[in-house]
Amino acid sequence: RRYMSLSDTLFGFFGDLLNWCGQANSIELD
């Protein structure tokens, strides 16, 4: 509303304050 920081864009909002990773040779998240 006032400004659009990276976290206020869709591509930043998507991952804001989250954590993630995968594993080699696996389709599962770790």
Full PDB file with SEQRES, HELIX, SHEET, SSBOND, CRYST1, ORIGX, SCALE, CONECT and MASTER records, all heavy atoms in Angstrom:
SEQRES   1 A   30  ARG ARG TYR MET SER LEU SER ASP THR LEU PHE GLY PHE          
SEQRES   2 A   30  PHE GLY ASP LEU LEU ASN TRP CYS GLY GLN ALA ASN SER          
SEQRES   3 A   30  ILE GLU LEU ASP                                              
HELIX    1 AA1 LEU A    6  ASP A    8  5                                   3    
HELIX    2 AA2 LEU A   10  PHE A   13  1                                   4    
CRYST1    1.000    1.000    1.000  90.00  90.00  90.00 P 1           1          
ORIGX1      1.000000  0.000000  0.000000        0.00000                         
ORIGX2      0.000000  1.000000  0.000000        0.00000                         
ORIGX3      0.000000  0.000000  1.000000        0.00000                         
SCALE1      1.000000  0.000000  0.000000        0.00000                         
SCALE2      0.000000  1.000000  0.000000        0.00000                         
SCALE3      0.000000  0.000000  1.000000        0.00000                         
ATOM      1  N   ARG A   1       0.826  -1.208   0.000  1.00  0.00           N  
ATOM      2  CA  ARG A   1       0.000   0.000   0.000  1.00  0.00           C  
ATOM      3  C   ARG A   1       0.864   1.264   0.000  1.00  0.00           C  
ATOM      4  O   ARG A   1       0.566   2.230  -0.699  1.00  0.00           O  
ATOM      5  CB  ARG A   1      -0.936   0.010   1.213  1.00  0.00           C  
ATOM      6  CG  ARG A   1      -2.065  -1.004   1.135  1.00  0.00           C  
ATOM      7  CD  ARG A   1      -3.029  -0.870   2.299  1.00  0.00           C  
ATOM      8  NE  ARG A   1      -2.378  -1.164   3.584  1.00  0.00           N  
ATOM      9  CZ  ARG A   1      -2.096  -0.241   4.489  1.00  0.00           C  
ATOM     10  NH1 ARG A   1      -2.388   1.030   4.252  1.00  0.00           N  
ATOM     11  NH2 ARG A   1      -1.513  -0.578   5.631  1.00  0.00           N  
ATOM     12  N   ARG A   2       1.933   1.271   0.817  1.00  0.00           N  
ATOM     13  CA  ARG A   2       2.828   2.427   0.852  1.00  0.00           C  
ATOM     14  C   ARG A   2       4.003   2.232  -0.101  1.00  0.00           C  
ATOM     15  O   ARG A   2       4.312   3.104  -0.908  1.00  0.00           O  
ATOM     16  CB  ARG A   2       3.346   2.644   2.280  1.00  0.00           C  
ATOM     17  CG  ARG A   2       2.277   2.917   3.307  1.00  0.00           C  
ATOM     18  CD  ARG A   2       2.898   3.282   4.649  1.00  0.00           C  
ATOM     19  NE  ARG A   2       1.882   3.275   5.710  1.00  0.00           N  
ATOM     20  CZ  ARG A   2       1.627   2.225   6.474  1.00  0.00           C  
ATOM     21  NH1 ARG A   2       2.312   1.101   6.317  1.00  0.00           N  
ATOM     22  NH2 ARG A   2       0.690   2.291   7.405  1.00  0.00           N  
ATOM     23  N   TYR A   3       4.656   1.093   0.055  1.00  0.00           N  
ATOM     24  CA  TYR A   3       5.801   0.755  -0.800  1.00  0.00           C  
ATOM     25  C   TYR A   3       5.694  -0.715  -1.175  1.00  0.00           C  
ATOM     26  O   TYR A   3       4.893  -1.461  -0.598  1.00  0.00           O  
ATOM     27  CB  TYR A   3       7.115   1.019  -0.062  1.00  0.00           C  
ATOM     28  CG  TYR A   3       7.310   2.478   0.273  1.00  0.00           C  
ATOM     29  CD1 TYR A   3       6.948   2.982   1.525  1.00  0.00           C  
ATOM     30  CD2 TYR A   3       7.831   3.363  -0.675  1.00  0.00           C  
ATOM     31  CE1 TYR A   3       7.093   4.331   1.822  1.00  0.00           C  
ATOM     32  CE2 TYR A   3       7.980   4.712  -0.378  1.00  0.00           C  
ATOM     33  CZ  TYR A   3       7.608   5.191   0.868  1.00  0.00           C  
ATOM     34  OH  TYR A   3       7.755   6.519   1.147  1.00  0.00           O  
ATOM     35  N   MET A   4       6.512  -1.118  -2.150  1.00  0.00           N  
ATOM     36  CA  MET A   4       6.518  -2.512  -2.559  1.00  0.00           C  
ATOM     37  C   MET A   4       7.931  -3.062  -2.393  1.00  0.00           C  
ATOM     38  O   MET A   4       8.762  -2.979  -3.295  1.00  0.00           O  
ATOM     39  CB  MET A   4       6.037  -2.671  -4.011  1.00  0.00           C  
ATOM     40  CG  MET A   4       5.916  -4.134  -4.445  1.00  0.00           C  
ATOM     41  SD  MET A   4       5.210  -4.332  -6.108  1.00  0.00           S  
ATOM     42  CE  MET A   4       3.475  -4.007  -5.773  1.00  0.00           C  
ATOM     43  N   SER A   5       8.206  -3.598  -1.207  1.00  0.00           N  
ATOM     44  CA  SER A   5       9.492  -4.247  -0.969  1.00  0.00           C  
ATOM     45  C   SER A   5       9.510  -5.581  -1.713  1.00  0.00           C  
ATOM     46  O   SER A   5       8.493  -6.012  -2.276  1.00  0.00           O  
ATOM     47  CB  SER A   5       9.699  -4.484   0.525  1.00  0.00           C  
ATOM     48  OG  SER A   5       8.816  -5.488   0.993  1.00  0.00           O  
ATOM     49  N   LEU A   6      10.652  -6.242  -1.710  1.00  0.00           N  
ATOM     50  CA  LEU A   6      10.738  -7.538  -2.390  1.00  0.00           C  
ATOM     51  C   LEU A   6       9.691  -8.509  -1.857  1.00  0.00           C  
ATOM     52  O   LEU A   6       9.064  -9.253  -2.632  1.00  0.00           O  
ATOM     53  CB  LEU A   6      12.147  -8.117  -2.204  1.00  0.00           C  
ATOM     54  CG  LEU A   6      12.393  -9.531  -2.734  1.00  0.00           C  
ATOM     55  CD1 LEU A   6      12.001  -9.654  -4.200  1.00  0.00           C  
ATOM     56  CD2 LEU A   6      13.861  -9.917  -2.537  1.00  0.00           C  
ATOM     57  N   SER A   7       9.464  -8.488  -0.551  1.00  0.00           N  
ATOM     58  CA  SER A   7       8.480  -9.403   0.048  1.00  0.00           C  
ATOM     59  C   SER A   7       7.042  -9.035  -0.304  1.00  0.00           C  
ATOM     60  O   SER A   7       6.129  -9.814  -0.026  1.00  0.00           O  
ATOM     61  CB  SER A   7       8.642  -9.412   1.575  1.00  0.00           C  
ATOM     62  OG  SER A   7       9.902  -9.919   1.939  1.00  0.00           O  
ATOM     63  N   ASP A   8       6.848  -7.862  -0.905  1.00  0.00           N  
ATOM     64  CA  ASP A   8       5.511  -7.440  -1.325  1.00  0.00           C  
ATOM     65  C   ASP A   8       5.238  -7.716  -2.793  1.00  0.00           C  
ATOM     66  O   ASP A   8       4.157  -7.394  -3.292  1.00  0.00           O  
ATOM     67  CB  ASP A   8       5.316  -5.950  -1.038  1.00  0.00           C  
ATOM     68  CG  ASP A   8       5.427  -5.635   0.439  1.00  0.00           C  
ATOM     69  OD1 ASP A   8       4.722  -6.283   1.235  1.00  0.00           O  
ATOM     70  OD2 ASP A   8       6.240  -4.765   0.810  1.00  0.00           O  
ATOM     71  N   THR A   9       6.223  -8.290  -3.490  1.00  0.00           N  
ATOM     72  CA  THR A   9       5.984  -8.775  -4.848  1.00  0.00           C  
ATOM     73  C   THR A   9       5.491 -10.213  -4.738  1.00  0.00           C  
ATOM     74  O   THR A   9       5.726 -10.881  -3.716  1.00  0.00           O  
ATOM     75  CB  THR A   9       7.275  -8.767  -5.685  1.00  0.00           C  
ATOM     76  OG1 THR A   9       8.217  -9.702  -5.118  1.00  0.00           O  
ATOM     77  CG2 THR A   9       7.893  -7.381  -5.724  1.00  0.00           C  
ATOM     78  N   LEU A  10       4.844 -10.721  -5.754  1.00  0.00           N  
ATOM     79  CA  LEU A  10       4.392 -12.114  -5.699  1.00  0.00           C  
ATOM     80  C   LEU A  10       5.575 -13.066  -5.586  1.00  0.00           C  
ATOM     81  O   LEU A  10       5.553 -14.013  -4.797  1.00  0.00           O  
ATOM     82  CB  LEU A  10       3.566 -12.457  -6.944  1.00  0.00           C  
ATOM     83  CG  LEU A  10       3.131 -13.928  -7.077  1.00  0.00           C  
ATOM     84  CD1 LEU A  10       2.347 -14.382  -5.855  1.00  0.00           C  
ATOM     85  CD2 LEU A  10       2.304 -14.121  -8.350  1.00  0.00           C  
ATOM     86  N   PHE A  11       6.645 -12.794  -6.354  1.00  0.00           N  
ATOM     87  CA  PHE A  11       7.766 -13.740  -6.334  1.00  0.00           C  
ATOM     88  C   PHE A  11       8.547 -13.706  -5.028  1.00  0.00           C  
ATOM     89  O   PHE A  11       9.246 -14.668  -4.689  1.00  0.00           O  
ATOM     90  CB  PHE A  11       8.699 -13.520  -7.537  1.00  0.00           C  
ATOM     91  CG  PHE A  11       9.179 -12.120  -7.765  1.00  0.00           C  
ATOM     92  CD1 PHE A  11      10.362 -11.657  -7.216  1.00  0.00           C  
ATOM     93  CD2 PHE A  11       8.453 -11.249  -8.590  1.00  0.00           C  
ATOM     94  CE1 PHE A  11      10.816 -10.375  -7.455  1.00  0.00           C  
ATOM     95  CE2 PHE A  11       8.901  -9.955  -8.841  1.00  0.00           C  
ATOM     96  CZ  PHE A  11      10.088  -9.508  -8.266  1.00  0.00           C  
ATOM     97  N   GLY A  12       8.401 -12.628  -4.230  1.00  0.00           N  
ATOM     98  CA  GLY A  12       9.014 -12.590  -2.910  1.00  0.00           C  
ATOM     99  C   GLY A  12       8.060 -13.034  -1.810  1.00  0.00           C  
ATOM    100  O   GLY A  12       8.447 -13.732  -0.872  1.00  0.00           O  
ATOM    101  N   PHE A  13       6.800 -12.647  -1.935  1.00  0.00           N  
ATOM    102  CA  PHE A  13       5.744 -13.005  -0.981  1.00  0.00           C  
ATOM    103  C   PHE A  13       5.633 -14.517  -0.835  1.00  0.00           C  
ATOM    104  O   PHE A  13       5.390 -15.050   0.247  1.00  0.00           O  
ATOM    105  CB  PHE A  13       4.428 -12.410  -1.491  1.00  0.00           C  
ATOM    106  CG  PHE A  13       3.256 -12.515  -0.560  1.00  0.00           C  
ATOM    107  CD1 PHE A  13       3.245 -11.830   0.643  1.00  0.00           C  
ATOM    108  CD2 PHE A  13       2.146 -13.259  -0.910  1.00  0.00           C  
ATOM    109  CE1 PHE A  13       2.145 -11.904   1.500  1.00  0.00           C  
ATOM    110  CE2 PHE A  13       1.045 -13.335  -0.072  1.00  0.00           C  
ATOM    111  CZ  PHE A  13       1.036 -12.660   1.137  1.00  0.00           C  
ATOM    112  N   PHE A  14       5.843 -15.218  -1.939  1.00  0.00           N  
ATOM    113  CA  PHE A  14       5.744 -16.669  -2.017  1.00  0.00           C  
ATOM    114  C   PHE A  14       6.634 -17.350  -0.973  1.00  0.00           C  
ATOM    115  O   PHE A  14       6.235 -18.336  -0.353  1.00  0.00           O  
ATOM    116  CB  PHE A  14       6.183 -17.095  -3.425  1.00  0.00           C  
ATOM    117  CG  PHE A  14       5.644 -18.419  -3.894  1.00  0.00           C  
ATOM    118  CD1 PHE A  14       4.376 -18.503  -4.438  1.00  0.00           C  
ATOM    119  CD2 PHE A  14       6.418 -19.570  -3.833  1.00  0.00           C  
ATOM    120  CE1 PHE A  14       3.879 -19.709  -4.913  1.00  0.00           C  
ATOM    121  CE2 PHE A  14       5.942 -20.781  -4.301  1.00  0.00           C  
ATOM    122  CZ  PHE A  14       4.667 -20.853  -4.840  1.00  0.00           C  
ATOM    123  N   GLY A  15       7.854 -16.839  -0.772  1.00  0.00           N  
ATOM    124  CA  GLY A  15       8.804 -17.527   0.100  1.00  0.00           C  
ATOM    125  C   GLY A  15       9.158 -16.798   1.378  1.00  0.00           C  
ATOM    126  O   GLY A  15      10.023 -17.263   2.131  1.00  0.00           O  
ATOM    127  N   ASP A  16       8.500 -15.677   1.662  1.00  0.00           N  
ATOM    128  CA  ASP A  16       8.883 -14.838   2.794  1.00  0.00           C  
ATOM    129  C   ASP A  16       8.784 -15.589   4.119  1.00  0.00           C  
ATOM    130  O   ASP A  16       7.746 -16.178   4.448  1.00  0.00           O  
ATOM    131  CB  ASP A  16       7.990 -13.595   2.829  1.00  0.00           C  
ATOM    132  CG  ASP A  16       8.524 -12.513   3.747  1.00  0.00           C  
ATOM    133  OD1 ASP A  16       9.754 -12.419   3.902  1.00  0.00           O  
ATOM    134  OD2 ASP A  16       7.711 -11.754   4.299  1.00  0.00           O  
ATOM    135  N   LEU A  17       9.878 -15.585   4.889  1.00  0.00           N  
ATOM    136  CA  LEU A  17       9.959 -16.167   6.225  1.00  0.00           C  
ATOM    137  C   LEU A  17       9.766 -17.682   6.259  1.00  0.00           C  
ATOM    138  O   LEU A  17       9.505 -18.267   7.314  1.00  0.00           O  
ATOM    139  CB  LEU A  17       8.937 -15.507   7.173  1.00  0.00           C  
ATOM    140  CG  LEU A  17       9.107 -13.999   7.374  1.00  0.00           C  
ATOM    141  CD1 LEU A  17       7.945 -13.430   8.182  1.00  0.00           C  
ATOM    142  CD2 LEU A  17      10.425 -13.684   8.071  1.00  0.00           C  
ATOM    143  N   LEU A  18       9.913 -18.342   5.115  1.00  0.00           N  
ATOM    144  CA  LEU A  18       9.798 -19.793   5.042  1.00  0.00           C  
ATOM    145  C   LEU A  18      11.178 -20.420   4.834  1.00  0.00           C  
ATOM    146  O   LEU A  18      12.141 -19.747   4.504  1.00  0.00           O  
ATOM    147  CB  LEU A  18       8.863 -20.198   3.893  1.00  0.00           C  
ATOM    148  CG  LEU A  18       7.427 -19.665   3.954  1.00  0.00           C  
ATOM    149  CD1 LEU A  18       6.656 -20.104   2.717  1.00  0.00           C  
ATOM    150  CD2 LEU A  18       6.729 -20.147   5.220  1.00  0.00           C  
ATOM    151  N   ASN A  19      11.236 -21.728   5.023  1.00  0.00           N  
ATOM    152  CA  ASN A  19      12.485 -22.461   4.794  1.00  0.00           C  
ATOM    153  C   ASN A  19      12.182 -23.713   3.992  1.00  0.00           C  
ATOM    154  O   ASN A  19      11.100 -24.295   4.121  1.00  0.00           O  
ATOM    155  CB  ASN A  19      13.137 -22.831   6.126  1.00  0.00           C  
ATOM    156  CG  ASN A  19      14.618 -23.133   5.969  1.00  0.00           C  
ATOM    157  OD1 ASN A  19      15.337 -22.360   5.333  1.00  0.00           O  
ATOM    158  ND2 ASN A  19      15.087 -24.234   6.511  1.00  0.00           N  
ATOM    159  N   TRP A  20      13.127 -24.141   3.158  1.00  0.00           N  
ATOM    160  CA  TRP A  20      12.897 -25.330   2.345  1.00  0.00           C  
ATOM    161  C   TRP A  20      14.207 -25.886   1.792  1.00  0.00           C  
ATOM    162  O   TRP A  20      15.188 -25.167   1.654  1.00  0.00           O  
ATOM    163  CB  TRP A  20      11.952 -25.006   1.178  1.00  0.00           C  
ATOM    164  CG  TRP A  20      12.492 -23.988   0.220  1.00  0.00           C  
ATOM    165  CD1 TRP A  20      13.272 -24.205  -0.883  1.00  0.00           C  
ATOM    166  CD2 TRP A  20      12.312 -22.558   0.293  1.00  0.00           C  
ATOM    167  NE1 TRP A  20      13.577 -23.020  -1.508  1.00  0.00           N  
ATOM    168  CE2 TRP A  20      13.004 -21.995  -0.813  1.00  0.00           C  
ATOM    169  CE3 TRP A  20      11.630 -21.714   1.165  1.00  0.00           C  
ATOM    170  CZ2 TRP A  20      13.032 -20.619  -1.045  1.00  0.00           C  
ATOM    171  CZ3 TRP A  20      11.674 -20.350   0.927  1.00  0.00           C  
ATOM    172  CH2 TRP A  20      12.358 -19.824  -0.168  1.00  0.00           C  
ATOM    173  N   CYS A  21      14.195 -27.167   1.494  1.00  0.00           N  
ATOM    174  CA  CYS A  21      15.290 -27.824   0.774  1.00  0.00           C  
ATOM    175  C   CYS A  21      14.836 -29.217   0.376  1.00  0.00           C  
ATOM    176  O   CYS A  21      13.882 -29.762   0.945  1.00  0.00           O  
ATOM    177  CB  CYS A  21      16.577 -27.895   1.603  1.00  0.00           C  
ATOM    178  SG  CYS A  21      16.491 -28.945   3.063  1.00  0.00           S  
ATOM    179  N   GLY A  22      15.512 -29.767  -0.601  1.00  0.00           N  
ATOM    180  CA  GLY A  22      15.241 -31.127  -1.027  1.00  0.00           C  
ATOM    181  C   GLY A  22      16.382 -32.044  -0.633  1.00  0.00           C  
ATOM    182  O   GLY A  22      17.212 -31.725   0.215  1.00  0.00           O  
ATOM    183  N   GLN A  23      16.420 -33.211  -1.285  1.00  0.00           N  
ATOM    184  CA  GLN A  23      17.458 -34.193  -1.025  1.00  0.00           C  
ATOM    185  C   GLN A  23      17.937 -34.764  -2.347  1.00  0.00           C  
ATOM    186  O   GLN A  23      17.142 -34.918  -3.287  1.00  0.00           O  
ATOM    187  CB  GLN A  23      16.917 -35.324  -0.150  1.00  0.00           C  
ATOM    188  CG  GLN A  23      16.269 -34.870   1.139  1.00  0.00           C  
ATOM    189  CD  GLN A  23      15.634 -36.010   1.905  1.00  0.00           C  
ATOM    190  OE1 GLN A  23      16.310 -36.950   2.313  1.00  0.00           O  
ATOM    191  NE2 GLN A  23      14.319 -35.946   2.098  1.00  0.00           N  
ATOM    192  N   ALA A  24      19.205 -35.080  -2.430  1.00  0.00           N  
ATOM    193  CA  ALA A  24      19.740 -35.693  -3.644  1.00  0.00           C  
ATOM    194  C   ALA A  24      19.080 -37.055  -3.850  1.00  0.00           C  
ATOM    195  O   ALA A  24      18.857 -37.811  -2.900  1.00  0.00           O  
ATOM    196  CB  ALA A  24      21.251 -35.848  -3.533  1.00  0.00           C  
ATOM    197  N   ASN A  25      18.727 -37.328  -5.094  1.00  0.00           N  
ATOM    198  CA  ASN A  25      18.150 -38.624  -5.465  1.00  0.00           C  
ATOM    199  C   ASN A  25      16.854 -38.936  -4.722  1.00  0.00           C  
ATOM    200  O   ASN A  25      16.579 -40.082  -4.366  1.00  0.00           O  
ATOM    201  CB  ASN A  25      19.170 -39.756  -5.222  1.00  0.00           C  
ATOM    202  CG  ASN A  25      20.481 -39.511  -5.949  1.00  0.00           C  
ATOM    203  OD1 ASN A  25      20.486 -39.171  -7.122  1.00  0.00           O  
ATOM    204  ND2 ASN A  25      21.587 -39.676  -5.249  1.00  0.00           N  
ATOM    205  N   SER A  26      16.064 -37.908  -4.475  1.00  0.00           N  
ATOM    206  CA  SER A  26      14.781 -38.100  -3.808  1.00  0.00           C  
ATOM    207  C   SER A  26      13.828 -36.994  -4.226  1.00  0.00           C  
ATOM    208  O   SER A  26      14.240 -35.845  -4.376  1.00  0.00           O  
ATOM    209  CB  SER A  26      14.954 -38.083  -2.292  1.00  0.00           C  
ATOM    210  OG  SER A  26      13.685 -38.098  -1.645  1.00  0.00           O  
ATOM    211  N   ILE A  27      12.566 -37.339  -4.395  1.00  0.00           N  
ATOM    212  CA  ILE A  27      11.569 -36.328  -4.746  1.00  0.00           C  
ATOM    213  C   ILE A  27      10.904 -35.745  -3.496  1.00  0.00           C  
ATOM    214  O   ILE A  27       9.973 -34.955  -3.592  1.00  0.00           O  
ATOM    215  CB  ILE A  27      10.488 -36.916  -5.680  1.00  0.00           C  
ATOM    216  CG1 ILE A  27       9.749 -38.065  -4.994  1.00  0.00           C  
ATOM    217  CG2 ILE A  27      11.092 -37.359  -6.999  1.00  0.00           C  
ATOM    218  CD1 ILE A  27       8.534 -38.550  -5.767  1.00  0.00           C  
ATOM    219  N   GLU A  28      11.418 -36.145  -2.325  1.00  0.00           N  
ATOM    220  CA  GLU A  28      10.843 -35.677  -1.066  1.00  0.00           C  
ATOM    221  C   GLU A  28      11.532 -34.412  -0.573  1.00  0.00           C  
ATOM    222  O   GLU A  28      12.729 -34.207  -0.785  1.00  0.00           O  
ATOM    223  CB  GLU A  28      10.961 -36.770   0.002  1.00  0.00           C  
ATOM    224  CG  GLU A  28      10.253 -38.069  -0.346  1.00  0.00           C  
ATOM    225  CD  GLU A  28       8.756 -37.885  -0.527  1.00  0.00           C  
ATOM    226  OE1 GLU A  28       8.168 -37.078   0.228  1.00  0.00           O  
ATOM    227  OE2 GLU A  28       8.181 -38.537  -1.420  1.00  0.00           O  
ATOM    228  N   LEU A  29      10.781 -33.572   0.108  1.00  0.00           N  
ATOM    229  CA  LEU A  29      11.361 -32.431   0.810  1.00  0.00           C  
ATOM    230  C   LEU A  29      12.052 -32.922   2.085  1.00  0.00           C  
ATOM    231  O   LEU A  29      11.681 -33.965   2.624  1.00  0.00           O  
ATOM    232  CB  LEU A  29      10.274 -31.422   1.169  1.00  0.00           C  
ATOM    233  CG  LEU A  29       9.503 -30.806  -0.003  1.00  0.00           C  
ATOM    234  CD1 LEU A  29       8.321 -29.993   0.519  1.00  0.00           C  
ATOM    235  CD2 LEU A  29      10.402 -29.937  -0.840  1.00  0.00           C  
ATOM    236  N   ASP A  30      13.040 -32.194   2.549  1.00  0.00           N  
ATOM    237  CA  ASP A  30      13.730 -32.559   3.787  1.00  0.00           C  
ATOM    238  C   ASP A  30      13.146 -31.731   4.924  1.00  0.00           C  
ATOM    239  O   ASP A  30      13.410 -30.532   5.028  1.00  0.00           O  
ATOM    240  CB  ASP A  30      15.238 -32.303   3.650  1.00  0.00           C  
ATOM    241  CG  ASP A  30      16.033 -32.906   4.804  1.00  0.00           C  
ATOM    242  OD1 ASP A  30      15.425 -33.147   5.870  1.00  0.00           O  
ATOM    243  OD2 ASP A  30      17.246 -33.137   4.644  1.00  0.00           O  
TER     244      ASP A  30                                                      
MASTER        0    0    0    2    0    0    0    6  243    1    0    3          
END                                                                             
